[in-house]
Every structure is written in structure tokens, then in C-alpha cells.
Amino acid sequence: MTLRAAYRPLRPDLDSFLFASVGAEQDGVPLSTISALTRLGLDPWDEAVRLSSLSKREAAEQLARLIAELPGAHRPLADAREIAGGLIERLPRRDKNSPASSQIQLRLLRRWPPWPRQSQLLIFCVVVVAALLVSIILHGGFPFGGSP
């Protein structure tokens, strides 16, 4: 019995690579290649296909750079190269008909823009004034000075 298209893996030949462990996170939970690539803003399947089109040496070097740049994980490049070498062995054989792309294309993750210091100061002032007004309403007068 075959799975319906909605439930079939996108590329079963990439599963061994994508679900392999890159290492452990700070809490000891294994970090898979698919999660690591996603954290870097890359599409894991596209990146796996791109890496498989490169020579093993070039693919390992590019993957090592990605592993070394993972947020929250401070791995020296030498350690990242060792991890990448093992992971590249899990990729399917290089497809000689597909063009090799030698550059990593990161997609920026959607994040809120940093707030300027003036905006932060304004928000702080608004919060302080709101707290003061709540205190006045609850206590029936100014919270400091004067008699009760």
C-alpha cells in the first residue's frame, strides 16, 4: 500500500542526511540537520540538493561553515568540519546533470526590526506614567508625599 501524495516524504533519498544528528543542543536534545538548516533560514531540501551537486570536499566545507554559524552553538570550525564530513557521506551521489551552485544563499528570517533607543525610552515613559495613573486610581491620590 502506497502513501497518498500529501503524506509521502518530499525526497526520501535525502532523509538519511536531513534527519541525521548535527550534535546536541544545550539541553542535550539531538539537533537534526533539517532543524539546523531551518534555523539558518535555509530550505533543508533545497540545501541538501545543492550540497549533493557539489564535490564532497566543497560540500563538506560549505556545510561546516553553516554548522559553525548555528545560533546558540559555538563550535570551532575544525569540529564543524568533522561533523560535516560525516553528514556529507549520507547525501545521495552527485547528479552530474544538475548545475552546481557554489554559493550559499541564506534567506533572512522574518524578525522584528530593532527599535531605536528613542522608541525604547518613549515606551518606558509610557509604562511608568500608566503605572502611576493606576496607582493614583487605586489609592485615591498621589502615592508619594502628602498625608493619607
C-alpha atoms as a PDB file:
ATOM      1  CA  MET A   1       0.000   0.000   0.000  1.00  0.00           C
ATOM      2  CA  THR A   2       1.477   3.348  -1.027  1.00  0.00           C
ATOM      3  CA  LEU A   3       1.026   6.621   0.786  1.00  0.00           C
ATOM      4  CA  ARG A   4      -1.087   9.382  -0.677  1.00  0.00           C
ATOM      5  CA  ALA A   5       0.936  12.284  -2.109  1.00  0.00           C
ATOM      6  CA  ALA A   6       0.175  14.517   0.876  1.00  0.00           C
ATOM      7  CA  TYR A   7       1.814  12.005   3.242  1.00  0.00           C
ATOM      8  CA  ARG A   8       4.817  10.964   1.155  1.00  0.00           C
ATOM      9  CA  PRO A   9       8.237  12.343   2.062  1.00  0.00           C
ATOM     10  CA  LEU A  10       9.429  15.138  -0.235  1.00  0.00           C
ATOM     11  CA  ARG A  11      12.695  13.416  -1.107  1.00  0.00           C
ATOM     12  CA  PRO A  12      13.184  10.059   0.618  1.00  0.00           C
ATOM     13  CA  ASP A  13      16.735   9.853  -0.750  1.00  0.00           C
ATOM     14  CA  LEU A  14      17.630  12.898   1.384  1.00  0.00           C
ATOM     15  CA  ASP A  15      16.103  11.607   4.635  1.00  0.00           C
ATOM     16  CA  SER A  16      19.303   9.984   5.869  1.00  0.00           C
ATOM     17  CA  PHE A  17      21.096  13.342   5.571  1.00  0.00           C
ATOM     18  CA  LEU A  18      18.267  15.590   6.769  1.00  0.00           C
ATOM     19  CA  PHE A  19      17.386  13.584   9.868  1.00  0.00           C
ATOM     20  CA  ALA A  20      20.974  12.862  10.922  1.00  0.00           C
ATOM     21  CA  SER A  21      22.245  14.461  14.123  1.00  0.00           C
ATOM     22  CA  VAL A  22      24.453  17.541  13.889  1.00  0.00           C
ATOM     23  CA  GLY A  23      25.115  17.405  17.621  1.00  0.00           C
ATOM     24  CA  ALA A  24      23.301  18.057  20.854  1.00  0.00           C
ATOM     25  CA  GLU A  25      21.635  21.267  21.921  1.00  0.00           C
ATOM     26  CA  GLN A  26      22.339  22.855  25.309  1.00  0.00           C
ATOM     27  CA  ASP A  27      19.648  20.751  26.976  1.00  0.00           C
ATOM     28  CA  GLY A  28      21.088  17.551  25.474  1.00  0.00           C
ATOM     29  CA  VAL A  29      18.388  17.046  22.829  1.00  0.00           C
ATOM     30  CA  PRO A  30      19.854  15.963  19.461  1.00  0.00           C
ATOM     31  CA  LEU A  31      19.804  18.646  16.751  1.00  0.00           C
ATOM     32  CA  SER A  32      18.979  17.265  13.298  1.00  0.00           C
ATOM     33  CA  THR A  33      20.357  18.621  10.046  1.00  0.00           C
ATOM     34  CA  ILE A  34      16.847  19.624   8.999  1.00  0.00           C
ATOM     35  CA  SER A  35      16.435  21.747  12.158  1.00  0.00           C
ATOM     36  CA  ALA A  36      19.900  23.264  11.839  1.00  0.00           C
ATOM     37  CA  LEU A  37      19.339  24.341   8.223  1.00  0.00           C
ATOM     38  CA  THR A  38      15.915  25.733   9.087  1.00  0.00           C
ATOM     39  CA  ARG A  39      17.395  27.812  11.924  1.00  0.00           C
ATOM     40  CA  LEU A  40      19.769  29.337   9.402  1.00  0.00           C
ATOM     41  CA  GLY A  41      16.865  30.390   7.182  1.00  0.00           C
ATOM     42  CA  LEU A  42      17.539  27.758   4.527  1.00  0.00           C
ATOM     43  CA  ASP A  43      15.127  25.342   2.927  1.00  0.00           C
ATOM     44  CA  PRO A  44      16.583  21.994   4.072  1.00  0.00           C
ATOM     45  CA  TRP A  45      15.616  20.070   0.915  1.00  0.00           C
ATOM     46  CA  ASP A  46      16.932  22.756  -1.442  1.00  0.00           C
ATOM     47  CA  GLU A  47      20.167  22.982   0.518  1.00  0.00           C
ATOM     48  CA  ALA A  48      20.589  19.197   0.542  1.00  0.00           C
ATOM     49  CA  VAL A  49      20.104  19.049  -3.222  1.00  0.00           C
ATOM     50  CA  ARG A  50      22.548  21.941  -3.689  1.00  0.00           C
ATOM     51  CA  LEU A  51      25.165  20.282  -1.481  1.00  0.00           C
ATOM     52  CA  SER A  52      24.752  16.945  -3.265  1.00  0.00           C
ATOM     53  CA  SER A  53      25.532  18.653  -6.572  1.00  0.00           C
ATOM     54  CA  LEU A  54      28.946  19.769  -5.271  1.00  0.00           C
ATOM     55  CA  SER A  55      32.092  17.723  -4.861  1.00  0.00           C
ATOM     56  CA  LYS A  56      32.299  16.044  -1.463  1.00  0.00           C
ATOM     57  CA  ARG A  57      35.149  18.309  -0.413  1.00  0.00           C
ATOM     58  CA  GLU A  58      33.344  21.531  -1.359  1.00  0.00           C
ATOM     59  CA  ALA A  59      30.029  20.335   0.102  1.00  0.00           C
ATOM     60  CA  ALA A  60      31.705  19.400   3.390  1.00  0.00           C
ATOM     61  CA  GLU A  61      33.433  22.778   3.612  1.00  0.00           C
ATOM     62  CA  GLN A  62      30.241  24.733   2.952  1.00  0.00           C
ATOM     63  CA  LEU A  63      28.235  22.617   5.390  1.00  0.00           C
ATOM     64  CA  ALA A  64      30.967  23.059   8.013  1.00  0.00           C
ATOM     65  CA  ARG A  65      30.693  26.846   7.683  1.00  0.00           C
ATOM     66  CA  LEU A  66      26.942  26.587   8.174  1.00  0.00           C
ATOM     67  CA  ILE A  67      27.324  24.364  11.238  1.00  0.00           C
ATOM     68  CA  ALA A  68      29.871  26.754  12.741  1.00  0.00           C
ATOM     69  CA  GLU A  69      27.398  29.643  12.311  1.00  0.00           C
ATOM     70  CA  LEU A  70      24.463  27.946  14.037  1.00  0.00           C
ATOM     71  CA  PRO A  71      22.863  30.296  16.560  1.00  0.00           C
ATOM     72  CA  GLY A  72      23.361  29.219  20.155  1.00  0.00           C
ATOM     73  CA  ALA A  73      26.052  26.671  19.292  1.00  0.00           C
ATOM     74  CA  HIS A  74      29.662  27.733  19.490  1.00  0.00           C
ATOM     75  CA  ARG A  75      31.529  25.067  17.555  1.00  0.00           C
ATOM     76  CA  PRO A  76      35.053  25.632  16.297  1.00  0.00           C
ATOM     77  CA  LEU A  77      35.366  25.271  12.525  1.00  0.00           C
ATOM     78  CA  ALA A  78      37.546  22.163  12.974  1.00  0.00           C
ATOM     79  CA  ASP A  79      34.736  20.420  14.910  1.00  0.00           C
ATOM     80  CA  ALA A  80      32.178  21.600  12.364  1.00  0.00           C
ATOM     81  CA  ARG A  81      34.313  20.144   9.547  1.00  0.00           C
ATOM     82  CA  GLU A  82      34.384  16.771  11.271  1.00  0.00           C
ATOM     83  CA  ILE A  83      30.604  16.765  11.706  1.00  0.00           C
ATOM     84  CA  ALA A  84      30.048  17.951   8.124  1.00  0.00           C
ATOM     85  CA  GLY A  85      32.292  15.221   6.727  1.00  0.00           C
ATOM     86  CA  GLY A  86      30.115  12.537   8.279  1.00  0.00           C
ATOM     87  CA  LEU A  87      26.901  14.197   7.166  1.00  0.00           C
ATOM     88  CA  ILE A  88      28.016  14.634   3.549  1.00  0.00           C
ATOM     89  CA  GLU A  89      28.537  10.866   3.337  1.00  0.00           C
ATOM     90  CA  ARG A  90      24.765  10.499   3.851  1.00  0.00           C
ATOM     91  CA  LEU A  91      23.889  12.582   0.779  1.00  0.00           C
ATOM     92  CA  PRO A  92      22.922  10.774  -2.424  1.00  0.00           C
ATOM     93  CA  ARG A  93      25.505  10.604  -5.194  1.00  0.00           C
ATOM     94  CA  ARG A  94      26.180  13.781  -7.120  1.00  0.00           C
ATOM     95  CA  ASP A  95      23.835  14.420 -10.043  1.00  0.00           C
ATOM     96  CA  LYS A  96      26.111  15.390 -12.928  1.00  0.00           C
ATOM     97  CA  ASN A  97      23.233  16.824 -14.969  1.00  0.00           C
ATOM     98  CA  SER A  98      22.296  19.493 -12.452  1.00  0.00           C
ATOM     99  CA  PRO A  99      24.288  22.721 -12.366  1.00  0.00           C
ATOM    100  CA  ALA A 100      26.424  23.169  -9.281  1.00  0.00           C
ATOM    101  CA  SER A 101      25.812  26.219  -7.196  1.00  0.00           C
ATOM    102  CA  SER A 102      28.874  27.186  -5.221  1.00  0.00           C
ATOM    103  CA  GLN A 103      27.349  29.900  -3.083  1.00  0.00           C
ATOM    104  CA  ILE A 104      25.190  29.534  -0.030  1.00  0.00           C
ATOM    105  CA  GLN A 105      22.049  31.615  -0.316  1.00  0.00           C
ATOM    106  CA  LEU A 106      20.651  32.460   3.100  1.00  0.00           C
ATOM    107  CA  ARG A 107      17.078  33.593   3.386  1.00  0.00           C
ATOM    108  CA  LEU A 108      16.635  36.145   6.089  1.00  0.00           C
ATOM    109  CA  LEU A 109      14.283  35.041   8.794  1.00  0.00           C
ATOM    110  CA  ARG A 110      11.439  37.401   9.407  1.00  0.00           C
ATOM    111  CA  ARG A 111      12.265  39.308  12.560  1.00  0.00           C
ATOM    112  CA  TRP A 112      11.074  42.484  14.099  1.00  0.00           C
ATOM    113  CA  PRO A 113      13.334  45.410  13.266  1.00  0.00           C
ATOM    114  CA  PRO A 114      15.403  46.688  16.194  1.00  0.00           C
ATOM    115  CA  TRP A 115      13.778  49.584  17.931  1.00  0.00           C
ATOM    116  CA  PRO A 116      15.713  52.835  18.117  1.00  0.00           C
ATOM    117  CA  ARG A 117      16.707  53.964  21.610  1.00  0.00           C
ATOM    118  CA  GLN A 118      14.264  56.872  21.429  1.00  0.00           C
ATOM    119  CA  SER A 119      11.361  54.463  20.941  1.00  0.00           C
ATOM    120  CA  GLN A 120      12.539  52.345  23.852  1.00  0.00           C
ATOM    121  CA  LEU A 121      12.704  55.433  26.063  1.00  0.00           C
ATOM    122  CA  LEU A 122       9.235  56.519  24.951  1.00  0.00           C
ATOM    123  CA  ILE A 123       7.774  53.087  25.748  1.00  0.00           C
ATOM    124  CA  PHE A 124       9.465  53.103  29.157  1.00  0.00           C
ATOM    125  CA  CYS A 125       7.982  56.543  29.925  1.00  0.00           C
ATOM    126  CA  VAL A 126       4.506  55.422  28.831  1.00  0.00           C
ATOM    127  CA  VAL A 127       4.723  52.350  31.097  1.00  0.00           C
ATOM    128  CA  VAL A 128       5.853  54.466  34.083  1.00  0.00           C
ATOM    129  CA  VAL A 129       3.054  57.017  33.548  1.00  0.00           C
ATOM    130  CA  ALA A 130       0.481  54.208  33.193  1.00  0.00           C
ATOM    131  CA  ALA A 131       1.709  52.618  36.439  1.00  0.00           C
ATOM    132  CA  LEU A 132       1.500  55.999  38.168  1.00  0.00           C
ATOM    133  CA  LEU A 133      -2.067  56.549  36.943  1.00  0.00           C
ATOM    134  CA  VAL A 134      -3.140  53.073  38.098  1.00  0.00           C
ATOM    135  CA  SER A 135      -1.599  53.773  41.484  1.00  0.00           C
ATOM    136  CA  ILE A 136      -3.446  57.107  41.753  1.00  0.00           C
ATOM    137  CA  ILE A 137      -6.761  55.482  40.868  1.00  0.00           C
ATOM    138  CA  LEU A 138      -6.303  52.570  43.281  1.00  0.00           C
ATOM    139  CA  HIS A 139      -5.043  54.648  46.213  1.00  0.00           C
ATOM    140  CA  GLY A 140      -7.176  57.736  45.678  1.00  0.00           C
ATOM    141  CA  GLY A 141      -4.250  60.155  45.438  1.00  0.00           C
ATOM    142  CA  PHE A 142      -0.560  60.523  44.670  1.00  0.00           C
ATOM    143  CA  PRO A 143       1.467  57.595  46.018  1.00  0.00           C
ATOM    144  CA  PHE A 144       4.278  59.723  47.388  1.00  0.00           C
ATOM    145  CA  GLY A 145       4.290  62.775  49.606  1.00  0.00           C
ATOM    146  CA  GLY A 146       1.308  64.296  51.354  1.00  0.00           C
ATOM    147  CA  SER A 147      -0.873  62.805  54.043  1.00  0.00           C
ATOM    148  CA  PRO A 148      -3.169  59.806  53.649  1.00  0.00           C
END
